[in-house]
């Protein structure tokens, strides 16, 4: 049986993971909306529209995760240093996700491979956010 403090810590981590996932879901809608607006409405080429969408989405995600998921660690303060680390961790997550997508596509259909990649990306992004970007700072 786990101690009360261990149980509390596990619940807190579970809340953070759920909050991170929910923000990620909203973030996906933001990404898609900005992409469609830039590509369809503004007539931007595919790659710049996608880059703009990613930048807006990762910025939204940083703000929301700073204020909700990792509020205690960030003290709800936005800093350029944490933003840069968050963007870098997002880029690492995107690279790992792409590698997982390609690898999984050799053994399962592409849509299943994409689901695998989303799961891997979530695990990498949450881990980097939890242990690197928003780690508690000594006072």
N, C-alpha and C. Protein backbone atom coordinates (compact mmCIF):
# COMPACT_ATOMS: atom_id res chain seq x y z
N UNK A 1 0.84 -1.18 0.00
CA UNK A 1 0.00 0.00 0.00
C UNK A 1 0.89 1.24 0.00
N UNK A 2 0.51 2.21 -0.86
CA UNK A 2 1.35 3.40 -0.95
C UNK A 2 1.02 4.39 0.15
N UNK A 3 2.00 5.21 0.48
CA UNK A 3 1.82 6.20 1.54
C UNK A 3 0.87 7.30 1.05
N UNK A 4 0.26 8.04 1.98
CA UNK A 4 -0.63 9.14 1.58
C UNK A 4 0.09 10.18 0.71
N UNK A 5 1.35 10.47 1.02
CA UNK A 5 2.06 11.47 0.21
C UNK A 5 2.35 10.94 -1.20
N UNK A 6 2.64 9.64 -1.32
CA UNK A 6 2.86 9.05 -2.64
C UNK A 6 1.57 9.04 -3.44
N UNK A 7 0.46 8.72 -2.77
CA UNK A 7 -0.85 8.73 -3.44
C UNK A 7 -1.19 10.13 -3.92
N UNK A 8 -0.91 11.14 -3.09
CA UNK A 8 -1.18 12.53 -3.45
C UNK A 8 -0.33 12.93 -4.66
N UNK A 9 0.94 12.53 -4.65
CA UNK A 9 1.84 12.86 -5.75
C UNK A 9 1.37 12.18 -7.05
N UNK A 10 0.94 10.93 -6.95
CA UNK A 10 0.43 10.21 -8.13
C UNK A 10 -0.82 10.88 -8.69
N UNK A 11 -1.73 11.31 -7.80
CA UNK A 11 -2.94 12.01 -8.26
C UNK A 11 -2.57 13.33 -8.94
N UNK A 12 -1.60 14.03 -8.38
CA UNK A 12 -1.17 15.31 -8.96
C UNK A 12 -0.59 15.09 -10.35
N UNK A 13 0.22 14.05 -10.50
CA UNK A 13 0.81 13.75 -11.81
C UNK A 13 -0.27 13.33 -12.80
N UNK A 14 -1.23 12.55 -12.35
CA UNK A 14 -2.34 12.14 -13.20
C UNK A 14 -3.16 13.36 -13.64
N UNK A 15 -3.41 14.30 -12.72
CA UNK A 15 -4.12 15.53 -13.08
C UNK A 15 -3.33 16.30 -14.13
N UNK A 16 -2.01 16.40 -13.93
CA UNK A 16 -1.18 17.13 -14.89
C UNK A 16 -1.24 16.48 -16.27
N UNK A 17 -1.16 15.16 -16.31
CA UNK A 17 -1.22 14.45 -17.60
C UNK A 17 -2.56 14.68 -18.28
N UNK A 18 -3.66 14.61 -17.51
CA UNK A 18 -4.99 14.83 -18.09
C UNK A 18 -5.14 16.27 -18.57
N UNK A 19 -4.67 17.22 -17.78
CA UNK A 19 -4.74 18.62 -18.16
C UNK A 19 -3.91 18.88 -19.41
N UNK A 20 -2.71 18.31 -19.45
CA UNK A 20 -1.82 18.45 -20.60
C UNK A 20 -2.50 17.88 -21.85
N UNK A 21 -3.16 16.74 -21.71
CA UNK A 21 -3.85 16.11 -22.84
C UNK A 21 -5.02 16.97 -23.32
N UNK A 22 -5.79 17.52 -22.39
CA UNK A 22 -6.93 18.36 -22.76
C UNK A 22 -6.46 19.64 -23.46
N UNK A 23 -5.43 20.26 -22.94
CA UNK A 23 -4.87 21.44 -23.59
C UNK A 23 -4.33 21.06 -24.97
N UNK A 24 -3.72 19.89 -25.07
CA UNK A 24 -3.24 19.41 -26.37
C UNK A 24 -4.36 19.22 -27.37
N UNK A 25 -5.51 18.75 -26.91
CA UNK A 25 -6.67 18.57 -27.80
C UNK A 25 -7.16 19.93 -28.31
N UNK A 26 -7.27 20.90 -27.40
CA UNK A 26 -7.68 22.25 -27.82
C UNK A 26 -6.61 22.83 -28.74
N UNK A 27 -5.36 22.58 -28.41
CA UNK A 27 -4.24 23.05 -29.21
C UNK A 27 -4.30 22.52 -30.64
N UNK A 28 -4.75 21.29 -30.80
CA UNK A 28 -4.89 20.70 -32.13
C UNK A 28 -5.92 21.47 -32.95
N UNK A 29 -7.01 21.88 -32.30
CA UNK A 29 -8.04 22.67 -32.98
C UNK A 29 -7.47 24.04 -33.38
N UNK A 30 -6.70 24.66 -32.48
CA UNK A 30 -6.06 25.94 -32.78
C UNK A 30 -5.13 25.78 -33.99
N UNK A 31 -4.28 24.77 -33.95
CA UNK A 31 -3.35 24.50 -35.04
C UNK A 31 -4.09 24.35 -36.37
N UNK A 32 -5.12 23.53 -36.37
CA UNK A 32 -5.89 23.27 -37.58
C UNK A 32 -6.58 24.55 -38.07
N UNK A 33 -7.17 25.30 -37.15
CA UNK A 33 -7.86 26.54 -37.53
C UNK A 33 -6.94 27.57 -38.13
N UNK A 34 -5.78 27.77 -37.52
CA UNK A 34 -4.81 28.74 -38.05
C UNK A 34 -4.30 28.25 -39.40
N UNK A 35 -4.04 26.96 -39.52
CA UNK A 35 -3.56 26.41 -40.79
C UNK A 35 -4.59 26.66 -41.90
N UNK A 36 -5.85 26.33 -41.64
CA UNK A 36 -6.90 26.51 -42.65
C UNK A 36 -7.05 27.98 -43.01
N UNK A 37 -7.01 28.86 -42.00
CA UNK A 37 -7.14 30.29 -42.26
C UNK A 37 -5.98 30.79 -43.13
N UNK A 38 -4.76 30.41 -42.79
CA UNK A 38 -3.61 30.88 -43.57
C UNK A 38 -3.60 30.27 -44.97
N UNK A 39 -3.90 28.99 -45.07
CA UNK A 39 -3.81 28.28 -46.35
C UNK A 39 -4.99 28.62 -47.27
N UNK A 40 -6.20 28.50 -46.75
CA UNK A 40 -7.39 28.68 -47.58
C UNK A 40 -7.80 30.15 -47.73
N UNK A 41 -7.88 30.85 -46.60
CA UNK A 41 -8.39 32.22 -46.64
C UNK A 41 -7.35 33.22 -47.12
N UNK A 42 -6.11 33.06 -46.65
CA UNK A 42 -5.07 34.01 -47.03
C UNK A 42 -4.27 33.56 -48.25
N UNK A 43 -4.44 32.31 -48.64
CA UNK A 43 -3.75 31.80 -49.82
C UNK A 43 -2.26 31.56 -49.63
N UNK A 44 -1.83 31.36 -48.37
CA UNK A 44 -0.41 31.10 -48.11
C UNK A 44 -0.03 29.74 -48.66
N UNK A 45 1.23 29.57 -49.04
CA UNK A 45 1.70 28.22 -49.42
C UNK A 45 1.63 27.26 -48.23
N UNK A 46 1.65 25.99 -48.53
CA UNK A 46 1.48 24.93 -47.54
C UNK A 46 2.46 25.01 -46.36
N UNK A 47 3.74 25.08 -46.65
CA UNK A 47 4.75 25.05 -45.58
C UNK A 47 4.68 26.28 -44.68
N UNK A 48 4.64 27.50 -45.22
CA UNK A 48 4.52 28.66 -44.31
C UNK A 48 3.22 28.63 -43.50
N UNK A 49 2.14 28.18 -44.09
CA UNK A 49 0.87 28.08 -43.36
C UNK A 49 1.00 27.09 -42.21
N UNK A 50 1.67 25.98 -42.46
CA UNK A 50 1.86 24.97 -41.42
C UNK A 50 2.79 25.46 -40.31
N UNK A 51 3.84 26.17 -40.67
CA UNK A 51 4.77 26.71 -39.68
C UNK A 51 4.07 27.75 -38.81
N UNK A 52 3.31 28.65 -39.44
CA UNK A 52 2.56 29.64 -38.67
C UNK A 52 1.59 28.95 -37.71
N UNK A 53 0.89 27.95 -38.20
CA UNK A 53 -0.07 27.22 -37.36
C UNK A 53 0.63 26.58 -36.17
N UNK A 54 1.78 25.96 -36.40
CA UNK A 54 2.53 25.33 -35.32
C UNK A 54 3.00 26.37 -34.30
N UNK A 55 3.51 27.51 -34.78
CA UNK A 55 3.99 28.55 -33.87
C UNK A 55 2.87 29.12 -33.01
N UNK A 56 1.72 29.37 -33.61
CA UNK A 56 0.58 29.88 -32.84
C UNK A 56 0.13 28.82 -31.83
N UNK A 57 0.04 27.57 -32.28
CA UNK A 57 -0.42 26.49 -31.41
C UNK A 57 0.56 26.24 -30.26
N UNK A 58 1.85 26.22 -30.53
CA UNK A 58 2.82 25.96 -29.47
C UNK A 58 2.84 27.13 -28.48
N UNK A 59 2.62 28.34 -28.97
CA UNK A 59 2.55 29.51 -28.08
C UNK A 59 1.31 29.43 -27.19
N UNK A 60 0.17 29.08 -27.77
CA UNK A 60 -1.06 28.89 -27.01
C UNK A 60 -0.85 27.80 -25.95
N UNK A 61 -0.24 26.71 -26.35
CA UNK A 61 0.00 25.59 -25.44
C UNK A 61 0.91 26.01 -24.29
N UNK A 62 1.94 26.79 -24.57
CA UNK A 62 2.84 27.27 -23.51
C UNK A 62 2.08 28.12 -22.50
N UNK A 63 1.28 29.05 -22.98
CA UNK A 63 0.53 29.92 -22.08
C UNK A 63 -0.44 29.10 -21.22
N UNK A 64 -1.20 28.22 -21.85
CA UNK A 64 -2.19 27.43 -21.11
C UNK A 64 -1.52 26.48 -20.11
N UNK A 65 -0.46 25.80 -20.53
CA UNK A 65 0.21 24.89 -19.61
C UNK A 65 0.90 25.64 -18.47
N UNK A 66 1.38 26.85 -18.74
CA UNK A 66 1.98 27.66 -17.67
C UNK A 66 0.94 28.10 -16.65
N UNK A 67 -0.28 28.34 -17.11
CA UNK A 67 -1.33 28.84 -16.22
C UNK A 67 -2.20 27.75 -15.62
N UNK A 68 -2.19 26.55 -16.18
CA UNK A 68 -3.07 25.49 -15.69
C UNK A 68 -2.26 24.27 -15.23
N UNK A 69 -1.71 23.55 -16.18
CA UNK A 69 -1.05 22.28 -15.88
C UNK A 69 0.13 22.44 -14.93
N UNK A 70 0.99 23.38 -15.22
CA UNK A 70 2.20 23.57 -14.43
C UNK A 70 2.18 24.92 -13.72
N UNK A 71 1.01 25.33 -13.25
CA UNK A 71 0.86 26.63 -12.57
C UNK A 71 1.74 26.74 -11.34
N UNK A 72 1.82 25.67 -10.55
CA UNK A 72 2.63 25.72 -9.33
C UNK A 72 4.11 25.88 -9.67
N UNK A 73 4.57 25.16 -10.66
CA UNK A 73 6.00 25.22 -11.03
C UNK A 73 6.36 26.54 -11.69
N UNK A 74 5.47 27.07 -12.53
CA UNK A 74 5.78 28.30 -13.27
C UNK A 74 5.35 29.55 -12.50
N UNK A 75 4.60 29.35 -11.43
CA UNK A 75 4.00 30.45 -10.68
C UNK A 75 3.16 31.33 -11.60
N UNK A 76 2.66 30.73 -12.66
CA UNK A 76 1.84 31.41 -13.67
C UNK A 76 2.56 32.59 -14.31
N UNK A 77 3.89 32.52 -14.35
CA UNK A 77 4.69 33.56 -14.98
C UNK A 77 5.19 33.05 -16.33
N UNK A 78 5.10 33.90 -17.34
CA UNK A 78 5.60 33.57 -18.67
C UNK A 78 6.98 34.18 -18.82
N UNK A 79 7.95 33.35 -19.20
CA UNK A 79 9.31 33.85 -19.41
C UNK A 79 9.81 33.39 -20.77
N UNK A 80 10.70 34.17 -21.34
CA UNK A 80 11.27 33.81 -22.63
C UNK A 80 12.07 32.51 -22.53
N UNK A 81 12.74 32.33 -21.39
CA UNK A 81 13.55 31.11 -21.20
C UNK A 81 12.67 29.87 -21.22
N UNK A 82 11.59 29.90 -20.45
CA UNK A 82 10.67 28.75 -20.41
C UNK A 82 9.98 28.56 -21.76
N UNK A 83 9.63 29.67 -22.41
CA UNK A 83 9.01 29.57 -23.73
C UNK A 83 9.95 28.90 -24.72
N UNK A 84 11.22 29.33 -24.72
CA UNK A 84 12.21 28.72 -25.62
C UNK A 84 12.38 27.24 -25.34
N UNK A 85 12.42 26.87 -24.06
CA UNK A 85 12.54 25.45 -23.69
C UNK A 85 11.30 24.68 -24.12
N UNK A 86 10.12 25.29 -23.99
CA UNK A 86 8.87 24.64 -24.39
C UNK A 86 8.84 24.43 -25.90
N UNK A 87 9.22 25.43 -26.66
CA UNK A 87 9.27 25.31 -28.12
C UNK A 87 10.28 24.24 -28.53
N UNK A 88 11.45 24.24 -27.89
CA UNK A 88 12.46 23.23 -28.21
C UNK A 88 11.96 21.84 -27.87
N UNK A 89 11.29 21.68 -26.73
CA UNK A 89 10.76 20.36 -26.37
C UNK A 89 9.67 19.95 -27.34
N UNK A 90 8.89 20.92 -27.83
CA UNK A 90 7.87 20.62 -28.84
C UNK A 90 8.49 20.16 -30.14
N UNK A 91 9.62 20.76 -30.50
CA UNK A 91 10.32 20.35 -31.72
C UNK A 91 10.88 18.93 -31.57
N UNK A 92 11.40 18.62 -30.37
CA UNK A 92 11.88 17.26 -30.10
C UNK A 92 10.71 16.28 -30.21
N UNK A 93 9.57 16.66 -29.62
CA UNK A 93 8.38 15.82 -29.69
C UNK A 93 7.94 15.58 -31.13
N UNK A 94 8.00 16.62 -31.95
CA UNK A 94 7.61 16.49 -33.36
C UNK A 94 8.57 15.56 -34.10
N UNK A 95 9.85 15.66 -33.81
CA UNK A 95 10.84 14.79 -34.47
C UNK A 95 10.63 13.33 -34.05
N UNK A 96 10.43 13.10 -32.76
CA UNK A 96 10.21 11.74 -32.26
C UNK A 96 8.90 11.19 -32.82
N UNK A 97 7.88 12.03 -32.88
CA UNK A 97 6.59 11.62 -33.43
C UNK A 97 6.73 11.20 -34.89
N UNK A 98 7.49 11.97 -35.66
CA UNK A 98 7.69 11.65 -37.07
C UNK A 98 8.44 10.33 -37.22
N UNK A 99 9.46 10.13 -36.41
CA UNK A 99 10.20 8.86 -36.45
C UNK A 99 9.30 7.68 -36.08
N UNK A 100 8.47 7.86 -35.06
CA UNK A 100 7.54 6.80 -34.66
C UNK A 100 6.53 6.52 -35.76
N UNK A 101 6.05 7.57 -36.43
CA UNK A 101 5.10 7.40 -37.53
C UNK A 101 5.71 6.57 -38.66
N UNK A 102 6.91 6.93 -39.05
CA UNK A 102 7.57 6.21 -40.14
C UNK A 102 7.83 4.76 -39.73
N UNK A 103 8.37 4.55 -38.54
CA UNK A 103 8.68 3.18 -38.08
C UNK A 103 7.41 2.34 -37.98
N UNK A 104 6.37 2.89 -37.37
CA UNK A 104 5.13 2.13 -37.20
C UNK A 104 4.44 1.85 -38.52
N UNK A 105 4.63 2.72 -39.51
CA UNK A 105 3.97 2.53 -40.81
C UNK A 105 4.46 1.29 -41.54
N UNK A 106 5.59 0.75 -41.12
CA UNK A 106 6.10 -0.48 -41.72
C UNK A 106 5.38 -1.73 -41.19
N UNK A 107 4.71 -1.58 -40.04
CA UNK A 107 4.08 -2.76 -39.44
C UNK A 107 2.57 -2.65 -39.26
N UNK A 108 2.02 -1.43 -39.34
CA UNK A 108 0.57 -1.25 -39.23
C UNK A 108 0.13 -0.23 -40.29
N UNK A 109 -1.16 -0.19 -40.60
CA UNK A 109 -1.64 0.83 -41.55
C UNK A 109 -1.31 2.25 -41.07
N UNK A 110 -1.19 3.17 -42.00
CA UNK A 110 -0.74 4.53 -41.71
C UNK A 110 -1.59 5.22 -40.65
N UNK A 111 -2.91 5.09 -40.70
CA UNK A 111 -3.74 5.75 -39.69
C UNK A 111 -3.47 5.21 -38.29
N UNK A 112 -3.22 3.92 -38.17
CA UNK A 112 -2.84 3.34 -36.88
C UNK A 112 -1.45 3.83 -36.48
N UNK A 113 -0.58 3.95 -37.46
CA UNK A 113 0.77 4.46 -37.20
C UNK A 113 0.71 5.89 -36.67
N UNK A 114 -0.22 6.68 -37.23
CA UNK A 114 -0.39 8.06 -36.75
C UNK A 114 -0.85 8.07 -35.29
N UNK A 115 -1.75 7.16 -34.93
CA UNK A 115 -2.19 7.07 -33.53
C UNK A 115 -1.04 6.68 -32.61
N UNK A 116 -0.20 5.77 -33.07
CA UNK A 116 1.00 5.40 -32.30
C UNK A 116 1.88 6.63 -32.12
N UNK A 117 2.08 7.38 -33.21
CA UNK A 117 2.93 8.57 -33.16
C UNK A 117 2.37 9.62 -32.20
N UNK A 118 1.04 9.78 -32.18
CA UNK A 118 0.42 10.73 -31.26
C UNK A 118 0.69 10.31 -29.82
N UNK A 119 0.56 9.03 -29.53
CA UNK A 119 0.84 8.53 -28.18
C UNK A 119 2.28 8.74 -27.78
N UNK A 120 3.20 8.46 -28.69
CA UNK A 120 4.63 8.65 -28.41
C UNK A 120 4.92 10.13 -28.20
N UNK A 121 4.35 10.96 -29.06
CA UNK A 121 4.55 12.40 -28.94
C UNK A 121 4.02 12.93 -27.61
N UNK A 122 2.85 12.47 -27.19
CA UNK A 122 2.30 12.89 -25.91
C UNK A 122 3.26 12.52 -24.78
N UNK A 123 3.74 11.28 -24.79
CA UNK A 123 4.64 10.82 -23.73
C UNK A 123 5.92 11.66 -23.68
N UNK A 124 6.50 11.92 -24.84
CA UNK A 124 7.74 12.70 -24.89
C UNK A 124 7.49 14.14 -24.47
N UNK A 125 6.45 14.76 -25.03
CA UNK A 125 6.17 16.17 -24.70
C UNK A 125 5.81 16.36 -23.23
N UNK A 126 5.00 15.47 -22.68
CA UNK A 126 4.64 15.60 -21.26
C UNK A 126 5.87 15.40 -20.39
N UNK A 127 6.66 14.39 -20.69
CA UNK A 127 7.87 14.12 -19.90
C UNK A 127 8.83 15.31 -19.93
N UNK A 128 9.08 15.85 -21.11
CA UNK A 128 9.98 17.00 -21.21
C UNK A 128 9.39 18.22 -20.49
N UNK A 129 8.10 18.44 -20.63
CA UNK A 129 7.47 19.58 -19.94
C UNK A 129 7.54 19.40 -18.43
N UNK A 130 7.24 18.20 -17.97
CA UNK A 130 7.19 17.92 -16.53
C UNK A 130 8.57 17.96 -15.87
N UNK A 131 9.57 17.38 -16.52
CA UNK A 131 10.88 17.24 -15.89
C UNK A 131 11.92 18.26 -16.34
N UNK A 132 11.68 18.95 -17.45
CA UNK A 132 12.68 19.90 -17.95
C UNK A 132 12.13 21.33 -17.97
N UNK A 133 11.07 21.56 -18.74
CA UNK A 133 10.59 22.92 -18.93
C UNK A 133 10.02 23.51 -17.64
N UNK A 134 9.13 22.78 -16.96
CA UNK A 134 8.44 23.30 -15.79
C UNK A 134 8.88 22.65 -14.48
N UNK A 135 10.10 22.16 -14.43
CA UNK A 135 10.56 21.52 -13.18
C UNK A 135 10.58 22.57 -12.07
N UNK A 136 10.29 22.12 -10.86
CA UNK A 136 10.32 23.07 -9.73
C UNK A 136 11.71 23.69 -9.58
N UNK A 137 11.75 24.96 -9.37
CA UNK A 137 13.01 25.67 -9.17
C UNK A 137 13.29 25.82 -7.69
N UNK A 138 14.56 25.67 -7.29
CA UNK A 138 14.88 25.89 -5.88
C UNK A 138 14.62 27.35 -5.52
N UNK A 139 14.16 27.54 -4.32
CA UNK A 139 13.81 28.92 -3.89
C UNK A 139 14.92 29.53 -3.09
